[in-house]
Amino acid sequence: LFSALTGRPVAADVAMTGEITLRGRVLPVGGIKEKILAAMSHGVRRVFLPQRNAHDLEEIPKELLRRVEVTLVNTIDEIWPHVLGEAQK
């Protein structure tokens, strides 16, 4: 989405899942465990998930979660600083 709007590429190690409403809310989706495992197998190290999918993280082994940075979000606006590299750690 960011790349399409700006013409700038997003880092290859970033992924996001969830449905985005027209007002920018990020809604929950299914298959979180499978999506994170697939992303990790393709070199993704930062994943953005809907806040309402937080409970799905319990299904993922702790040793795998240590290898990926998961950020829970409620709106798409929370993601832009990370995609732009402006997030403070």
PDB file of N, CA and C in Angstrom:
ATOM      1  N   LEU A   1       0.827  -1.184   0.000  1.00  0.00           N
ATOM      2  CA  LEU A   1       0.000   0.000   0.000  1.00  0.00           C
ATOM      3  C   LEU A   1       0.876   1.256   0.000  1.00  0.00           C
ATOM      4  N   PHE A   2       1.857   1.278   0.885  1.00  0.00           N
ATOM      5  CA  PHE A   2       2.761   2.423   0.972  1.00  0.00           C
ATOM      6  C   PHE A   2       3.500   2.624  -0.347  1.00  0.00           C
ATOM      7  N   SER A   3       4.029   1.559  -0.908  1.00  0.00           N
ATOM      8  CA  SER A   3       4.765   1.662  -2.165  1.00  0.00           C
ATOM      9  C   SER A   3       3.880   2.206  -3.282  1.00  0.00           C
ATOM     10  N   ALA A   4       2.654   1.733  -3.343  1.00  0.00           N
ATOM     11  CA  ALA A   4       1.733   2.186  -4.389  1.00  0.00           C
ATOM     12  C   ALA A   4       1.413   3.668  -4.249  1.00  0.00           C
ATOM     13  N   LEU A   5       1.288   4.140  -3.025  1.00  0.00           N
ATOM     14  CA  LEU A   5       0.934   5.545  -2.794  1.00  0.00           C
ATOM     15  C   LEU A   5       2.091   6.505  -3.024  1.00  0.00           C
ATOM     16  N   THR A   6       3.308   6.058  -2.715  1.00  0.00           N
ATOM     17  CA  THR A   6       4.455   6.974  -2.747  1.00  0.00           C
ATOM     18  C   THR A   6       5.463   6.693  -3.847  1.00  0.00           C
ATOM     19  N   GLY A   7       5.406   5.494  -4.411  1.00  0.00           N
ATOM     20  CA  GLY A   7       6.410   5.119  -5.395  1.00  0.00           C
ATOM     21  C   GLY A   7       7.734   4.737  -4.771  1.00  0.00           C
ATOM     22  N   ARG A   8       7.770   4.666  -3.438  1.00  0.00           N
ATOM     23  CA  ARG A   8       8.987   4.282  -2.709  1.00  0.00           C
ATOM     24  C   ARG A   8       8.847   2.848  -2.221  1.00  0.00           C
ATOM     25  N   PRO A   9       9.901   2.048  -2.345  1.00  0.00           N
ATOM     26  CA  PRO A   9       9.817   0.660  -1.879  1.00  0.00           C
ATOM     27  C   PRO A   9       9.848   0.574  -0.350  1.00  0.00           C
ATOM     28  N   VAL A  10       9.211  -0.454   0.153  1.00  0.00           N
ATOM     29  CA  VAL A  10       9.231  -0.766   1.585  1.00  0.00           C
ATOM     30  C   VAL A  10      10.295  -1.835   1.786  1.00  0.00           C
ATOM     31  N   ALA A  11      10.941  -1.825   2.930  1.00  0.00           N
ATOM     32  CA  ALA A  11      11.973  -2.823   3.228  1.00  0.00           C
ATOM     33  C   ALA A  11      11.436  -4.238   3.019  1.00  0.00           C
ATOM     34  N   ALA A  12      12.271  -5.100   2.505  1.00  0.00           N
ATOM     35  CA  ALA A  12      11.869  -6.470   2.199  1.00  0.00           C
ATOM     36  C   ALA A  12      11.619  -7.307   3.450  1.00  0.00           C
ATOM     37  N   ASP A  13      12.086  -6.841   4.604  1.00  0.00           N
ATOM     38  CA  ASP A  13      11.915  -7.634   5.821  1.00  0.00           C
ATOM     39  C   ASP A  13      10.697  -7.204   6.637  1.00  0.00           C
ATOM     40  N   VAL A  14       9.778  -6.443   6.030  1.00  0.00           N
ATOM     41  CA  VAL A  14       8.585  -5.950   6.720  1.00  0.00           C
ATOM     42  C   VAL A  14       7.341  -6.566   6.089  1.00  0.00           C
ATOM     43  N   ALA A  15       6.403  -7.011   6.952  1.00  0.00           N
ATOM     44  CA  ALA A  15       5.132  -7.553   6.464  1.00  0.00           C
ATOM     45  C   ALA A  15       4.002  -7.078   7.363  1.00  0.00           C
ATOM     46  N   MET A  16       2.805  -7.069   6.801  1.00  0.00           N
ATOM     47  CA  MET A  16       1.628  -6.662   7.553  1.00  0.00           C
ATOM     48  C   MET A  16       0.466  -7.537   7.120  1.00  0.00           C
ATOM     49  N   THR A  17      -0.386  -7.891   8.064  1.00  0.00           N
ATOM     50  CA  THR A  17      -1.604  -8.595   7.719  1.00  0.00           C
ATOM     51  C   THR A  17      -2.753  -7.961   8.482  1.00  0.00           C
ATOM     52  N   GLY A  18      -3.935  -8.156   7.961  1.00  0.00           N
ATOM     53  CA  GLY A  18      -5.135  -7.558   8.530  1.00  0.00           C
ATOM     54  C   GLY A  18      -5.909  -6.885   7.418  1.00  0.00           C
ATOM     55  N   GLU A  19      -7.160  -6.648   7.655  1.00  0.00           N
ATOM     56  CA  GLU A  19      -7.967  -5.934   6.674  1.00  0.00           C
ATOM     57  C   GLU A  19      -8.013  -4.473   7.071  1.00  0.00           C
ATOM     58  N   ILE A  20      -7.843  -3.590   6.101  1.00  0.00           N
ATOM     59  CA  ILE A  20      -7.820  -2.158   6.364  1.00  0.00           C
ATOM     60  C   ILE A  20      -9.130  -1.547   5.874  1.00  0.00           C
ATOM     61  N   THR A  21      -9.815  -0.845   6.772  1.00  0.00           N
ATOM     62  CA  THR A  21     -11.055  -0.178   6.380  1.00  0.00           C
ATOM     63  C   THR A  21     -10.729   1.111   5.624  1.00  0.00           C
ATOM     64  N   LEU A  22     -11.723   1.707   5.025  1.00  0.00           N
ATOM     65  CA  LEU A  22     -11.523   2.972   4.317  1.00  0.00           C
ATOM     66  C   LEU A  22     -11.111   4.085   5.263  1.00  0.00           C
ATOM     67  N   ARG A  23     -11.390   3.936   6.532  1.00  0.00           N
ATOM     68  CA  ARG A  23     -11.005   4.943   7.533  1.00  0.00           C
ATOM     69  C   ARG A  23      -9.665   4.615   8.192  1.00  0.00           C
ATOM     70  N   GLY A  24      -9.007   3.529   7.747  1.00  0.00           N
ATOM     71  CA  GLY A  24      -7.674   3.209   8.234  1.00  0.00           C
ATOM     72  C   GLY A  24      -7.606   2.274   9.423  1.00  0.00           C
ATOM     73  N   ARG A  25      -8.741   1.754   9.868  1.00  0.00           N
ATOM     74  CA  ARG A  25      -8.696   0.784  10.968  1.00  0.00           C
ATOM     75  C   ARG A  25      -8.182  -0.549  10.441  1.00  0.00           C
ATOM     76  N   VAL A  26      -7.390  -1.239  11.267  1.00  0.00           N
ATOM     77  CA  VAL A  26      -6.861  -2.552  10.893  1.00  0.00           C
ATOM     78  C   VAL A  26      -7.685  -3.602  11.625  1.00  0.00           C
ATOM     79  N   LEU A  27      -8.405  -4.409  10.860  1.00  0.00           N
ATOM     80  CA  LEU A  27      -9.306  -5.413  11.422  1.00  0.00           C
ATOM     81  C   LEU A  27      -8.632  -6.775  11.495  1.00  0.00           C
ATOM     82  N   PRO A  28      -9.067  -7.616  12.434  1.00  0.00           N
ATOM     83  CA  PRO A  28      -8.444  -8.932  12.604  1.00  0.00           C
ATOM     84  C   PRO A  28      -8.728  -9.874  11.440  1.00  0.00           C
ATOM     85  N   VAL A  29      -7.834 -10.849  11.299  1.00  0.00           N
ATOM     86  CA  VAL A  29      -7.951 -11.884  10.270  1.00  0.00           C
ATOM     87  C   VAL A  29      -7.595 -13.234  10.887  1.00  0.00           C
ATOM     88  N   GLY A  30      -7.810 -14.294  10.167  1.00  0.00           N
ATOM     89  CA  GLY A  30      -7.475 -15.633  10.638  1.00  0.00           C
ATOM     90  C   GLY A  30      -6.119 -16.085  10.127  1.00  0.00           C
ATOM     91  N   GLY A  31      -5.670 -17.226  10.633  1.00  0.00           N
ATOM     92  CA  GLY A  31      -4.440 -17.845  10.157  1.00  0.00           C
ATOM     93  C   GLY A  31      -3.164 -17.117  10.524  1.00  0.00           C
ATOM     94  N   ILE A  32      -3.149 -16.454  11.678  1.00  0.00           N
ATOM     95  CA  ILE A  32      -1.981 -15.663  12.075  1.00  0.00           C
ATOM     96  C   ILE A  32      -0.728 -16.527  12.206  1.00  0.00           C
ATOM     97  N   LYS A  33      -0.837 -17.663  12.845  1.00  0.00           N
ATOM     98  CA  LYS A  33       0.341 -18.530  13.023  1.00  0.00           C
ATOM     99  C   LYS A  33       0.949 -18.895  11.668  1.00  0.00           C
ATOM    100  N   GLU A  34       0.119 -19.311  10.751  1.00  0.00           N
ATOM    101  CA  GLU A  34       0.598 -19.716   9.433  1.00  0.00           C
ATOM    102  C   GLU A  34       1.201 -18.541   8.676  1.00  0.00           C
ATOM    103  N   LYS A  35       0.592 -17.373   8.808  1.00  0.00           N
ATOM    104  CA  LYS A  35       1.101 -16.188   8.119  1.00  0.00           C
ATOM    105  C   LYS A  35       2.459 -15.763   8.664  1.00  0.00           C
ATOM    106  N   ILE A  36       2.625 -15.821   9.966  1.00  0.00           N
ATOM    107  CA  ILE A  36       3.920 -15.452  10.551  1.00  0.00           C
ATOM    108  C   ILE A  36       4.991 -16.461  10.162  1.00  0.00           C
ATOM    109  N   LEU A  37       4.675 -17.734  10.209  1.00  0.00           N
ATOM    110  CA  LEU A  37       5.649 -18.754   9.824  1.00  0.00           C
ATOM    111  C   LEU A  37       6.050 -18.606   8.360  1.00  0.00           C
ATOM    112  N   ALA A  38       5.089 -18.337   7.481  1.00  0.00           N
ATOM    113  CA  ALA A  38       5.393 -18.152   6.064  1.00  0.00           C
ATOM    114  C   ALA A  38       6.258 -16.910   5.861  1.00  0.00           C
ATOM    115  N   ALA A  39       5.923 -15.837   6.553  1.00  0.00           N
ATOM    116  CA  ALA A  39       6.705 -14.601   6.432  1.00  0.00           C
ATOM    117  C   ALA A  39       8.143 -14.833   6.880  1.00  0.00           C
ATOM    118  N   MET A  40       8.310 -15.512   8.008  1.00  0.00           N
ATOM    119  CA  MET A  40       9.649 -15.783   8.523  1.00  0.00           C
ATOM    120  C   MET A  40      10.453 -16.638   7.539  1.00  0.00           C
ATOM    121  N   SER A  41       9.795 -17.583   6.892  1.00  0.00           N
ATOM    122  CA  SER A  41      10.507 -18.445   5.948  1.00  0.00           C
ATOM    123  C   SER A  41      10.977 -17.668   4.711  1.00  0.00           C
ATOM    124  N   HIS A  42      10.435 -16.463   4.513  1.00  0.00           N
ATOM    125  CA  HIS A  42      10.835 -15.614   3.389  1.00  0.00           C
ATOM    126  C   HIS A  42      11.681 -14.416   3.836  1.00  0.00           C
ATOM    127  N   GLY A  43      12.242 -14.494   5.043  1.00  0.00           N
ATOM    128  CA  GLY A  43      13.169 -13.475   5.502  1.00  0.00           C
ATOM    129  C   GLY A  43      12.551 -12.265   6.182  1.00  0.00           C
ATOM    130  N   VAL A  44      11.268 -12.310   6.463  1.00  0.00           N
ATOM    131  CA  VAL A  44      10.618 -11.181   7.137  1.00  0.00           C
ATOM    132  C   VAL A  44      11.018 -11.190   8.605  1.00  0.00           C
ATOM    133  N   ARG A  45      11.384 -10.019   9.121  1.00  0.00           N
ATOM    134  CA  ARG A  45      11.799  -9.892  10.518  1.00  0.00           C
ATOM    135  C   ARG A  45      10.897  -8.971  11.325  1.00  0.00           C
ATOM    136  N   ARG A  46      10.065  -8.173  10.644  1.00  0.00           N
ATOM    137  CA  ARG A  46       9.128  -7.271  11.331  1.00  0.00           C
ATOM    138  C   ARG A  46       7.736  -7.499  10.770  1.00  0.00           C
ATOM    139  N   VAL A  47       6.792  -7.805  11.665  1.00  0.00           N
ATOM    140  CA  VAL A  47       5.421  -8.102  11.259  1.00  0.00           C
ATOM    141  C   VAL A  47       4.463  -7.200  12.025  1.00  0.00           C
ATOM    142  N   PHE A  48       3.521  -6.615  11.305  1.00  0.00           N
ATOM    143  CA  PHE A  48       2.471  -5.806  11.907  1.00  0.00           C
ATOM    144  C   PHE A  48       1.178  -6.595  11.847  1.00  0.00           C
ATOM    145  N   LEU A  49       0.537  -6.731  13.011  1.00  0.00           N
ATOM    146  CA  LEU A  49      -0.708  -7.486  13.130  1.00  0.00           C
ATOM    147  C   LEU A  49      -1.790  -6.620  13.749  1.00  0.00           C
ATOM    148  N   PRO A  50      -3.048  -6.941  13.454  1.00  0.00           N
ATOM    149  CA  PRO A  50      -4.134  -6.242  14.137  1.00  0.00           C
ATOM    150  C   PRO A  50      -4.073  -6.495  15.648  1.00  0.00           C
ATOM    151  N   GLN A  51      -4.296  -5.472  16.436  1.00  0.00           N
ATOM    152  CA  GLN A  51      -4.322  -5.603  17.901  1.00  0.00           C
ATOM    153  C   GLN A  51      -5.280  -6.704  18.330  1.00  0.00           C
ATOM    154  N   ARG A  52      -6.400  -6.811  17.642  1.00  0.00           N
ATOM    155  CA  ARG A  52      -7.404  -7.800  18.020  1.00  0.00           C
ATOM    156  C   ARG A  52      -6.981  -9.238  17.712  1.00  0.00           C
ATOM    157  N   ASN A  53      -5.822  -9.433  17.087  1.00  0.00           N
ATOM    158  CA  ASN A  53      -5.267 -10.768  16.871  1.00  0.00           C
ATOM    159  C   ASN A  53      -4.201 -11.118  17.900  1.00  0.00           C
ATOM    160  N   ALA A  54      -4.032 -10.309  18.939  1.00  0.00           N
ATOM    161  CA  ALA A  54      -2.986 -10.539  19.941  1.00  0.00           C
ATOM    162  C   ALA A  54      -3.068 -11.934  20.542  1.00  0.00           C
ATOM    163  N   HIS A  55      -4.268 -12.414  20.777  1.00  0.00           N
ATOM    164  CA  HIS A  55      -4.430 -13.734  21.395  1.00  0.00           C
ATOM    165  C   HIS A  55      -3.879 -14.855  20.515  1.00  0.00           C
ATOM    166  N   ASP A  56      -3.793 -14.634  19.212  1.00  0.00           N
ATOM    167  CA  ASP A  56      -3.277 -15.654  18.299  1.00  0.00           C
ATOM    168  C   ASP A  56      -1.777 -15.888  18.471  1.00  0.00           C
ATOM    169  N   LEU A  57      -1.079 -14.947  19.079  1.00  0.00           N
ATOM    170  CA  LEU A  57       0.364 -15.098  19.285  1.00  0.00           C
ATOM    171  C   LEU A  57       0.671 -16.219  20.273  1.00  0.00           C
ATOM    172  N   GLU A  58      -0.306 -16.584  21.095  1.00  0.00           N
ATOM    173  CA  GLU A  58      -0.111 -17.672  22.059  1.00  0.00           C
ATOM    174  C   GLU A  58       0.107 -19.011  21.362  1.00  0.00           C
ATOM    175  N   GLU A  59      -0.334 -19.144  20.116  1.00  0.00           N
ATOM    176  CA  GLU A  59      -0.196 -20.394  19.356  1.00  0.00           C
ATOM    177  C   GLU A  59       1.208 -20.575  18.781  1.00  0.00           C
ATOM    178  N   ILE A  60       2.000 -19.523  18.789  1.00  0.00           N
ATOM    179  CA  ILE A  60       3.312 -19.559  18.150  1.00  0.00           C
ATOM    180  C   ILE A  60       4.379 -19.847  19.196  1.00  0.00           C
ATOM    181  N   PRO A  61       5.240 -20.827  18.939  1.00  0.00           N
ATOM    182  CA  PRO A  61       6.294 -21.151  19.907  1.00  0.00           C
ATOM    183  C   PRO A  61       7.151 -19.923  20.238  1.00  0.00           C
ATOM    184  N   LYS A  62       7.491 -19.788  21.513  1.00  0.00           N
ATOM    185  CA  LYS A  62       8.252 -18.633  22.000  1.00  0.00           C
ATOM    186  C   LYS A  62       9.587 -18.460  21.273  1.00  0.00           C
ATOM    187  N   GLU A  63      10.272 -19.571  20.943  1.00  0.00           N
ATOM    188  CA  GLU A  63      11.565 -19.449  20.267  1.00  0.00           C
ATOM    189  C   GLU A  63      11.415 -18.834  18.872  1.00  0.00           C
ATOM    190  N   LEU A  64      10.279 -19.039  18.220  1.00  0.00           N
ATOM    191  CA  LEU A  64      10.050 -18.400  16.930  1.00  0.00           C
ATOM    192  C   LEU A  64       9.724 -16.919  17.095  1.00  0.00           C
ATOM    193  N   LEU A  65       8.963 -16.598  18.127  1.00  0.00           N
ATOM    194  CA  LEU A  65       8.615 -15.194  18.367  1.00  0.00           C
ATOM    195  C   LEU A  65       9.836 -14.353  18.716  1.00  0.00           C
ATOM    196  N   ARG A  66      10.872 -14.983  19.240  1.00  0.00           N
ATOM    197  CA  ARG A  66      12.109 -14.245  19.547  1.00  0.00           C
ATOM    198  C   ARG A  66      12.845 -13.828  18.282  1.00  0.00           C
ATOM    199  N   ARG A  67      12.529 -14.486  17.169  1.00  0.00           N
ATOM    200  CA  ARG A  67      13.219 -14.215  15.907  1.00  0.00           C
ATOM    201  C   ARG A  67      12.493 -13.206  15.025  1.00  0.00           C
ATOM    202  N   VAL A  68      11.340 -12.747  15.462  1.00  0.00           N
ATOM    203  CA  VAL A  68      10.566 -11.794  14.671  1.00  0.00           C
ATOM    204  C   VAL A  68      10.018 -10.706  15.593  1.00  0.00           C
ATOM    205  N   GLU A  69      10.031  -9.481  15.125  1.00  0.00           N
ATOM    206  CA  GLU A  69       9.481  -8.367  15.888  1.00  0.00           C
ATOM    207  C   GLU A  69       8.023  -8.189  15.487  1.00  0.00           C
ATOM    208  N   VAL A  70       7.119  -8.428  16.420  1.00  0.00           N
ATOM    209  CA  VAL A  70       5.694  -8.305  16.156  1.00  0.00           C
ATOM    210  C   VAL A  70       5.182  -7.017  16.798  1.00  0.00           C
ATOM    211  N   THR A  71       4.523  -6.205  15.995  1.00  0.00           N
ATOM    212  CA  THR A  71       3.928  -4.960  16.475  1.00  0.00           C
ATOM    213  C   THR A  71       2.430  -5.033  16.240  1.00  0.00           C
ATOM    214  N   LEU A  72       1.660  -4.848  17.308  1.00  0.00           N
ATOM    215  CA  LEU A  72       0.205  -4.873  17.216  1.00  0.00           C
ATOM    216  C   LEU A  72      -0.307  -3.459  16.980  1.00  0.00           C
ATOM    217  N   VAL A  73      -1.208  -3.307  16.014  1.00  0.00           N
ATOM    218  CA  VAL A  73      -1.703  -1.982  15.643  1.00  0.00           C
ATOM    219  C   VAL A  73      -3.223  -1.970  15.544  1.00  0.00           C
ATOM    220  N   ASN A  74      -3.785  -0.787  15.735  1.00  0.00           N
ATOM    221  CA  ASN A  74      -5.220  -0.579  15.564  1.00  0.00           C
ATOM    222  C   ASN A  74      -5.537   0.182  14.285  1.00  0.00           C
ATOM    223  N   THR A  75      -4.603   1.031  13.836  1.00  0.00           N
ATOM    224  CA  THR A  75      -4.821   1.817  12.625  1.00  0.00           C
ATOM    225  C   THR A  75      -3.589   1.773  11.735  1.00  0.00           C
ATOM    226  N   ILE A  76      -3.799   2.039  10.466  1.00  0.00           N
ATOM    227  CA  ILE A  76      -2.694   2.035   9.507  1.00  0.00           C
ATOM    228  C   ILE A  76      -1.699   3.152   9.807  1.00  0.00           C
ATOM    229  N   ASP A  77      -2.182   4.226  10.429  1.00  0.00           N
ATOM    230  CA  ASP A  77      -1.286   5.337  10.776  1.00  0.00           C
ATOM    231  C   ASP A  77      -0.176   4.917  11.737  1.00  0.00           C
ATOM    232  N   GLU A  78      -0.395   3.881  12.508  1.00  0.00           N
ATOM    233  CA  GLU A  78       0.619   3.396  13.441  1.00  0.00           C
ATOM    234  C   GLU A  78       1.770   2.696  12.720  1.00  0.00           C
ATOM    235  N   ILE A  79       1.558   2.321  11.486  1.00  0.00           N
ATOM    236  CA  ILE A  79       2.557   1.559  10.733  1.00  0.00           C
ATOM    237  C   ILE A  79       3.511   2.474   9.974  1.00  0.00           C
ATOM    238  N   TRP A  80       3.024   3.597   9.462  1.00  0.00           N
ATOM    239  CA  TRP A  80       3.836   4.460   8.603  1.00  0.00           C
ATOM    240  C   TRP A  80       5.200   4.824   9.186  1.00  0.00           C
ATOM    241  N   PRO A  81       5.312   5.235  10.451  1.00  0.00           N
ATOM    242  CA  PRO A  81       6.653   5.585  10.961  1.00  0.00           C
ATOM    243  C   PRO A  81       7.650   4.424  10.871  1.00  0.00           C
ATOM    244  N   HIS A  82       7.173   3.206  11.041  1.00  0.00           N
ATOM    245  CA  HIS A  82       8.061   2.038  10.965  1.00  0.00           C
ATOM    246  C   HIS A  82       8.483   1.773   9.525  1.00  0.00           C
ATOM    247  N   VAL A  83       7.563   1.934   8.612  1.00  0.00           N
ATOM    248  CA  VAL A  83       7.844   1.712   7.205  1.00  0.00           C
ATOM    249  C   VAL A  83       8.793   2.784   6.688  1.00  0.00           C
ATOM    250  N   LEU A  84       8.635   3.994   7.201  1.00  0.00           N
ATOM    251  CA  LEU A  84       9.481   5.104   6.781  1.00  0.00           C
ATOM    252  C   LEU A  84      10.825   5.132   7.494  1.00  0.00           C
ATOM    253  N   GLY A  85      11.006   4.255   8.493  1.00  0.00           N
ATOM    254  CA  GLY A  85      12.251   4.210   9.225  1.00  0.00           C
ATOM    255  C   GLY A  85      12.371   5.303  10.276  1.00  0.00           C
ATOM    256  N   GLU A  86      11.245   5.873  10.679  1.00  0.00           N
ATOM    257  CA  GLU A  86      11.256   6.972  11.643  1.00  0.00           C
ATOM    258  C   GLU A  86      10.927   6.520  13.064  1.00  0.00           C
ATOM    259  N   ALA A  87      10.638   5.252  13.243  1.00  0.00           N
ATOM    260  CA  ALA A  87      10.249   4.765  14.574  1.00  0.00           C
ATOM    261  C   ALA A  87      11.432   4.816  15.523  1.00  0.00           C
ATOM    262  N   GLN A  88      11.176   5.228  16.737  1.00  0.00           N
ATOM    263  CA  GLN A  88      12.203   5.240  17.775  1.00  0.00           C
ATOM    264  C   GLN A  88      12.181   3.910  18.501  1.00  0.00           C
ATOM    265  N   LYS A  89      13.330   3.322  18.677  1.00  0.00           N
ATOM    266  CA  LYS A  89      13.409   2.036  19.392  1.00  0.00           C
ATOM    267  C   LYS A  89      14.021   2.241  20.735  1.00  0.00           C
TER     268      LYS A  89
END
